[in-house]
Each structure stands twice: as C-alpha cells, then as structure tokens.
N, C-alpha and C. Protein backbone atom coordinates (compact mmCIF):
# COMPACT_ATOMS: atom_id res chain seq x y z
N MET A 1 32.86 44.05 -13.71
CA MET A 1 31.44 44.21 -13.89
C MET A 1 31.14 45.69 -14.04
N LYS A 2 30.26 46.01 -14.98
CA LYS A 2 29.89 47.39 -15.25
C LYS A 2 28.99 47.93 -14.13
N LYS A 3 29.30 49.12 -13.65
CA LYS A 3 28.51 49.76 -12.60
C LYS A 3 27.26 50.37 -13.21
N LEU A 4 26.13 50.17 -12.55
CA LEU A 4 24.87 50.73 -13.02
C LEU A 4 24.81 52.21 -12.72
N SER A 5 24.13 52.92 -13.58
CA SER A 5 23.94 54.36 -13.34
C SER A 5 23.03 54.54 -12.12
N PRO A 6 23.12 55.69 -11.45
CA PRO A 6 22.25 55.93 -10.30
C PRO A 6 20.76 55.82 -10.67
N LEU A 7 20.40 56.24 -11.86
CA LEU A 7 19.01 56.16 -12.30
C LEU A 7 18.54 54.71 -12.40
N VAL A 8 19.35 53.86 -13.01
CA VAL A 8 18.99 52.45 -13.16
C VAL A 8 18.99 51.77 -11.80
N SER A 9 19.97 52.08 -10.97
CA SER A 9 20.00 51.51 -9.63
C SER A 9 18.76 51.88 -8.84
N ASP A 10 18.32 53.12 -8.96
CA ASP A 10 17.12 53.58 -8.26
C ASP A 10 15.88 52.86 -8.80
N ALA A 11 15.82 52.67 -10.10
CA ALA A 11 14.68 51.96 -10.70
C ALA A 11 14.64 50.51 -10.21
N PHE A 12 15.80 49.85 -10.13
CA PHE A 12 15.85 48.48 -9.63
C PHE A 12 15.42 48.43 -8.16
N ARG A 13 15.85 49.41 -7.37
CA ARG A 13 15.47 49.46 -5.96
C ARG A 13 13.96 49.62 -5.83
N MET A 14 13.37 50.50 -6.63
CA MET A 14 11.93 50.72 -6.58
C MET A 14 11.18 49.46 -7.00
N LEU A 15 11.67 48.77 -8.01
CA LEU A 15 11.05 47.53 -8.47
C LEU A 15 11.10 46.48 -7.35
N ARG A 16 12.26 46.35 -6.71
CA ARG A 16 12.42 45.38 -5.61
C ARG A 16 11.48 45.73 -4.46
N GLU A 17 11.41 47.00 -4.08
CA GLU A 17 10.53 47.42 -2.99
C GLU A 17 9.07 47.18 -3.31
N ASP A 18 8.68 47.40 -4.57
CA ASP A 18 7.30 47.14 -4.97
C ASP A 18 6.98 45.65 -4.86
N LEU A 19 7.91 44.82 -5.30
CA LEU A 19 7.72 43.37 -5.19
C LEU A 19 7.62 42.96 -3.73
N TYR A 20 8.50 43.47 -2.89
CA TYR A 20 8.45 43.14 -1.46
C TYR A 20 7.15 43.59 -0.82
N ARG A 21 6.60 44.72 -1.26
CA ARG A 21 5.31 45.19 -0.73
C ARG A 21 4.20 44.18 -1.05
N HIS A 22 4.22 43.67 -2.28
CA HIS A 22 3.23 42.66 -2.66
C HIS A 22 3.38 41.42 -1.80
N LEU A 23 4.61 40.98 -1.58
CA LEU A 23 4.83 39.80 -0.74
C LEU A 23 4.42 40.07 0.70
N ASP A 24 4.69 41.27 1.19
CA ASP A 24 4.26 41.63 2.55
C ASP A 24 2.75 41.58 2.68
N ASP A 25 2.05 42.04 1.65
CA ASP A 25 0.57 42.00 1.68
C ASP A 25 0.07 40.56 1.72
N ALA A 26 0.71 39.68 0.95
CA ALA A 26 0.32 38.27 0.97
C ALA A 26 0.60 37.66 2.34
N GLU A 27 1.72 38.01 2.92
CA GLU A 27 2.07 37.50 4.24
C GLU A 27 1.09 38.01 5.30
N THR A 28 0.65 39.24 5.15
CA THR A 28 -0.31 39.81 6.09
C THR A 28 -1.60 39.00 6.09
N LEU A 29 -2.02 38.53 4.93
CA LEU A 29 -3.22 37.69 4.86
C LEU A 29 -3.02 36.44 5.71
N ALA A 30 -1.84 35.83 5.59
CA ALA A 30 -1.58 34.58 6.33
C ALA A 30 -1.47 34.80 7.83
N THR A 31 -1.02 35.96 8.23
CA THR A 31 -0.80 36.20 9.66
C THR A 31 -1.86 37.12 10.26
N GLY A 32 -2.91 37.38 9.52
CA GLY A 32 -3.95 38.31 9.95
C GLY A 32 -4.82 37.77 11.07
N HIS A 33 -5.91 38.43 11.26
CA HIS A 33 -6.82 38.06 12.35
C HIS A 33 -7.48 36.72 12.07
N TRP A 34 -7.97 36.12 13.13
CA TRP A 34 -8.66 34.83 13.03
C TRP A 34 -10.04 34.97 13.61
N PRO A 35 -11.02 34.28 13.18
CA PRO A 35 -11.02 33.40 12.01
C PRO A 35 -11.12 34.21 10.72
N TRP A 36 -10.71 33.56 9.63
CA TRP A 36 -10.81 34.21 8.33
C TRP A 36 -12.26 34.27 7.89
N SER A 37 -12.58 35.33 7.18
CA SER A 37 -13.89 35.39 6.54
C SER A 37 -13.87 34.47 5.32
N ASP A 38 -15.02 34.21 4.76
CA ASP A 38 -15.07 33.39 3.54
C ASP A 38 -14.26 34.04 2.42
N ALA A 39 -14.35 35.35 2.31
CA ALA A 39 -13.60 36.07 1.27
C ALA A 39 -12.09 35.93 1.48
N GLU A 40 -11.64 35.99 2.72
CA GLU A 40 -10.21 35.84 3.00
C GLU A 40 -9.73 34.42 2.72
N THR A 41 -10.57 33.43 3.02
CA THR A 41 -10.22 32.04 2.73
C THR A 41 -10.08 31.84 1.23
N GLU A 42 -11.03 32.36 0.47
CA GLU A 42 -10.95 32.25 -0.99
C GLU A 42 -9.73 32.99 -1.53
N SER A 43 -9.42 34.14 -0.96
CA SER A 43 -8.25 34.91 -1.38
C SER A 43 -6.97 34.12 -1.10
N ALA A 44 -6.90 33.48 0.06
CA ALA A 44 -5.72 32.68 0.40
C ALA A 44 -5.56 31.50 -0.55
N ARG A 45 -6.65 30.87 -0.89
CA ARG A 45 -6.58 29.75 -1.84
C ARG A 45 -6.08 30.22 -3.20
N ALA A 46 -6.59 31.34 -3.65
CA ALA A 46 -6.14 31.90 -4.93
C ALA A 46 -4.67 32.31 -4.85
N LEU A 47 -4.28 32.85 -3.71
CA LEU A 47 -2.90 33.27 -3.52
C LEU A 47 -1.95 32.08 -3.60
N ILE A 48 -2.33 30.96 -2.99
CA ILE A 48 -1.49 29.76 -3.06
C ILE A 48 -1.28 29.36 -4.52
N GLU A 49 -2.35 29.33 -5.30
CA GLU A 49 -2.23 28.99 -6.72
C GLU A 49 -1.32 29.97 -7.44
N ASP A 50 -1.47 31.27 -7.14
CA ASP A 50 -0.63 32.28 -7.78
C ASP A 50 0.85 32.10 -7.41
N LEU A 51 1.12 31.81 -6.14
CA LEU A 51 2.51 31.63 -5.71
C LEU A 51 3.14 30.40 -6.35
N ILE A 52 2.36 29.33 -6.49
CA ILE A 52 2.87 28.14 -7.18
C ILE A 52 3.18 28.47 -8.64
N THR A 53 2.33 29.25 -9.27
CA THR A 53 2.58 29.68 -10.65
C THR A 53 3.87 30.47 -10.74
N VAL A 54 4.12 31.35 -9.77
CA VAL A 54 5.36 32.13 -9.75
C VAL A 54 6.57 31.21 -9.62
N ILE A 55 6.51 30.26 -8.69
CA ILE A 55 7.64 29.35 -8.50
C ILE A 55 7.89 28.53 -9.76
N ARG A 56 6.82 28.01 -10.34
CA ARG A 56 6.98 27.23 -11.59
C ARG A 56 7.53 28.10 -12.72
N GLY A 57 7.07 29.35 -12.78
CA GLY A 57 7.55 30.25 -13.83
C GLY A 57 9.03 30.53 -13.71
N VAL A 58 9.50 30.78 -12.50
CA VAL A 58 10.93 31.03 -12.29
C VAL A 58 11.72 29.76 -12.59
N ALA A 59 11.23 28.62 -12.14
CA ALA A 59 11.92 27.36 -12.42
C ALA A 59 11.99 27.10 -13.93
N ALA A 60 10.92 27.40 -14.65
CA ALA A 60 10.90 27.19 -16.10
C ALA A 60 11.93 28.07 -16.81
N LEU A 61 12.14 29.27 -16.29
CA LEU A 61 13.15 30.16 -16.89
C LEU A 61 14.55 29.59 -16.74
N HIS A 62 14.74 28.76 -15.74
CA HIS A 62 16.08 28.24 -15.44
C HIS A 62 16.19 26.76 -15.78
N ASN A 63 15.53 26.38 -16.87
CA ASN A 63 15.63 24.98 -17.28
C ASN A 63 16.86 24.77 -18.17
N THR A 64 16.99 23.57 -18.68
CA THR A 64 18.21 23.21 -19.43
C THR A 64 17.86 22.56 -20.75
N PRO A 65 17.56 23.34 -21.79
CA PRO A 65 17.23 22.69 -23.07
C PRO A 65 18.38 21.86 -23.62
N GLN A 66 19.62 22.23 -23.33
CA GLN A 66 20.76 21.44 -23.80
C GLN A 66 21.23 20.43 -22.75
N GLY A 67 20.68 20.50 -21.55
CA GLY A 67 20.97 19.49 -20.56
C GLY A 67 22.06 19.80 -19.55
N ASP A 68 22.87 20.83 -19.76
CA ASP A 68 23.94 21.06 -18.79
C ASP A 68 24.09 22.51 -18.34
N HIS A 69 23.52 23.45 -19.08
CA HIS A 69 23.62 24.87 -18.72
C HIS A 69 22.23 25.49 -18.64
N CYS A 70 22.05 26.32 -17.62
CA CYS A 70 20.81 27.07 -17.46
C CYS A 70 20.66 28.03 -18.64
N ARG A 71 19.49 28.05 -19.25
CA ARG A 71 19.29 28.92 -20.40
C ARG A 71 19.20 30.39 -20.02
N THR A 72 18.92 30.71 -18.75
CA THR A 72 18.78 32.10 -18.33
C THR A 72 20.09 32.66 -17.81
N CYS A 73 20.74 31.96 -16.89
CA CYS A 73 21.97 32.52 -16.31
C CYS A 73 23.22 31.90 -16.90
N ASP A 74 23.09 30.91 -17.78
CA ASP A 74 24.20 30.26 -18.46
C ASP A 74 25.20 29.64 -17.49
N ALA A 75 24.74 29.32 -16.28
CA ALA A 75 25.58 28.62 -15.32
C ALA A 75 25.36 27.12 -15.48
N MET A 76 26.28 26.34 -14.93
CA MET A 76 26.07 24.89 -14.94
C MET A 76 24.78 24.61 -14.17
N TRP A 77 24.03 23.63 -14.67
CA TRP A 77 22.76 23.28 -14.05
C TRP A 77 22.98 22.20 -13.02
N PRO A 78 22.38 22.25 -11.86
CA PRO A 78 21.39 23.24 -11.46
C PRO A 78 22.04 24.57 -11.08
N CYS A 79 21.47 25.63 -11.59
CA CYS A 79 21.98 26.97 -11.31
C CYS A 79 21.54 27.40 -9.91
N LEU A 80 22.00 28.55 -9.48
CA LEU A 80 21.69 29.06 -8.15
C LEU A 80 20.19 29.24 -7.94
N ALA A 81 19.47 29.67 -8.98
CA ALA A 81 18.03 29.87 -8.85
C ALA A 81 17.33 28.54 -8.55
N ILE A 82 17.66 27.49 -9.28
CA ILE A 82 17.04 26.18 -9.06
C ILE A 82 17.45 25.62 -7.70
N GLU A 83 18.72 25.77 -7.33
CA GLU A 83 19.16 25.30 -6.02
C GLU A 83 18.41 26.03 -4.90
N THR A 84 18.19 27.32 -5.06
CA THR A 84 17.48 28.10 -4.04
C THR A 84 16.02 27.68 -3.96
N ILE A 85 15.36 27.55 -5.11
CA ILE A 85 13.96 27.10 -5.11
C ILE A 85 13.86 25.74 -4.43
N HIS A 86 14.73 24.83 -4.80
CA HIS A 86 14.70 23.48 -4.23
C HIS A 86 14.89 23.54 -2.72
N ARG A 87 15.89 24.29 -2.26
CA ARG A 87 16.18 24.37 -0.83
C ARG A 87 14.99 24.94 -0.06
N LEU A 88 14.35 25.97 -0.60
CA LEU A 88 13.24 26.61 0.10
C LEU A 88 11.97 25.77 0.08
N VAL A 89 11.69 25.14 -1.05
CA VAL A 89 10.47 24.33 -1.16
C VAL A 89 10.61 23.01 -0.41
N LYS A 90 11.80 22.44 -0.38
CA LYS A 90 12.00 21.14 0.25
C LYS A 90 12.47 21.24 1.70
N ASP A 91 12.55 22.44 2.24
CA ASP A 91 12.93 22.62 3.65
C ASP A 91 11.94 21.87 4.52
N PRO A 92 12.41 20.92 5.35
CA PRO A 92 11.48 20.10 6.14
C PRO A 92 10.66 20.89 7.16
N ASP A 93 11.04 22.11 7.43
CA ASP A 93 10.31 22.93 8.40
C ASP A 93 9.23 23.81 7.75
N THR A 94 8.97 23.61 6.46
CA THR A 94 8.00 24.46 5.78
C THR A 94 6.68 23.73 5.55
N GLU A 95 5.67 24.50 5.27
CA GLU A 95 4.35 23.94 5.00
C GLU A 95 4.34 23.17 3.69
N PHE A 96 5.21 23.52 2.74
CA PHE A 96 5.29 22.75 1.50
C PHE A 96 5.52 21.27 1.81
N VAL A 97 6.45 20.99 2.69
CA VAL A 97 6.77 19.60 3.03
C VAL A 97 5.66 18.99 3.87
N ASN A 98 5.07 19.75 4.78
CA ASN A 98 3.95 19.23 5.57
C ASN A 98 2.80 18.80 4.67
N ILE A 99 2.48 19.62 3.68
CA ILE A 99 1.40 19.29 2.75
C ILE A 99 1.75 18.03 1.97
N GLN A 100 2.97 17.97 1.47
CA GLN A 100 3.38 16.80 0.70
C GLN A 100 3.32 15.54 1.56
N ASN A 101 3.74 15.64 2.80
CA ASN A 101 3.70 14.48 3.69
C ASN A 101 2.27 14.02 3.96
N ARG A 102 1.33 14.98 4.04
CA ARG A 102 -0.08 14.60 4.25
C ARG A 102 -0.67 13.96 2.98
N LEU A 103 -0.29 14.48 1.83
CA LEU A 103 -0.84 13.97 0.57
C LEU A 103 -0.19 12.66 0.14
N ARG A 104 1.09 12.52 0.43
CA ARG A 104 1.84 11.34 0.01
C ARG A 104 2.67 10.80 1.19
N PRO A 105 2.01 10.20 2.14
CA PRO A 105 2.74 9.75 3.34
C PRO A 105 3.81 8.70 3.06
N GLU A 106 3.73 8.03 1.92
CA GLU A 106 4.70 6.98 1.62
C GLU A 106 6.04 7.54 1.15
N LEU A 107 6.11 8.84 0.84
CA LEU A 107 7.39 9.41 0.36
C LEU A 107 8.36 9.65 1.48
C-alpha cells in the first residue's frame, strides 16, 4: 500500500477531526440540559432526519448494481460499510431498535 504524504495525512486528520466535532455537537444536544426548549426540540428532530439521510447516503454508496460486489469498495457484498451500518442500527441496545419496536411491535 502506498504511504500518504505528511501533507495529505494531515489533511485527512483535520477532515476527521472536523467531522468528529460536528458529531460531538450533535451529541451535546442529546445529552444537554433538561428540559429542552422548543428550539432545541425542533433542532433535535431536524438532526434525526439529517442523521438518517447520512446513513442512507452511505448505504447507497455501498450498494450492488451487479449484485455481488460493492460499487464503492469493490468488496464482496455485503461490504464492511454495510455490515457496520447494519450492526450499529440493529443493535438491540440502541434507540433505533426501541423506536422500531414501538412502531412495529409485531416484528
């Protein structure tokens, strides 16, 4: 594997840290003071929609137009990205599953 230049490595690190800062800010909303103001409640609702869009977007990048290989990473499908999304979203200890159980108790 080709080693990245220090400049590119630093740019990737900065990009990752910027992304983590955004995620930290979203997490701060969820763990902030109680009760939420109306503005914070609306922000949280919008954030949920945005996060679902992100998950769907990443999943769409890793689909299989030919049926057996991921079009993004060219690995056998399901690729690591899809396996990771599935594991995290379907984890029985997460709110994703709690919500699904409330909406569809028969599943």
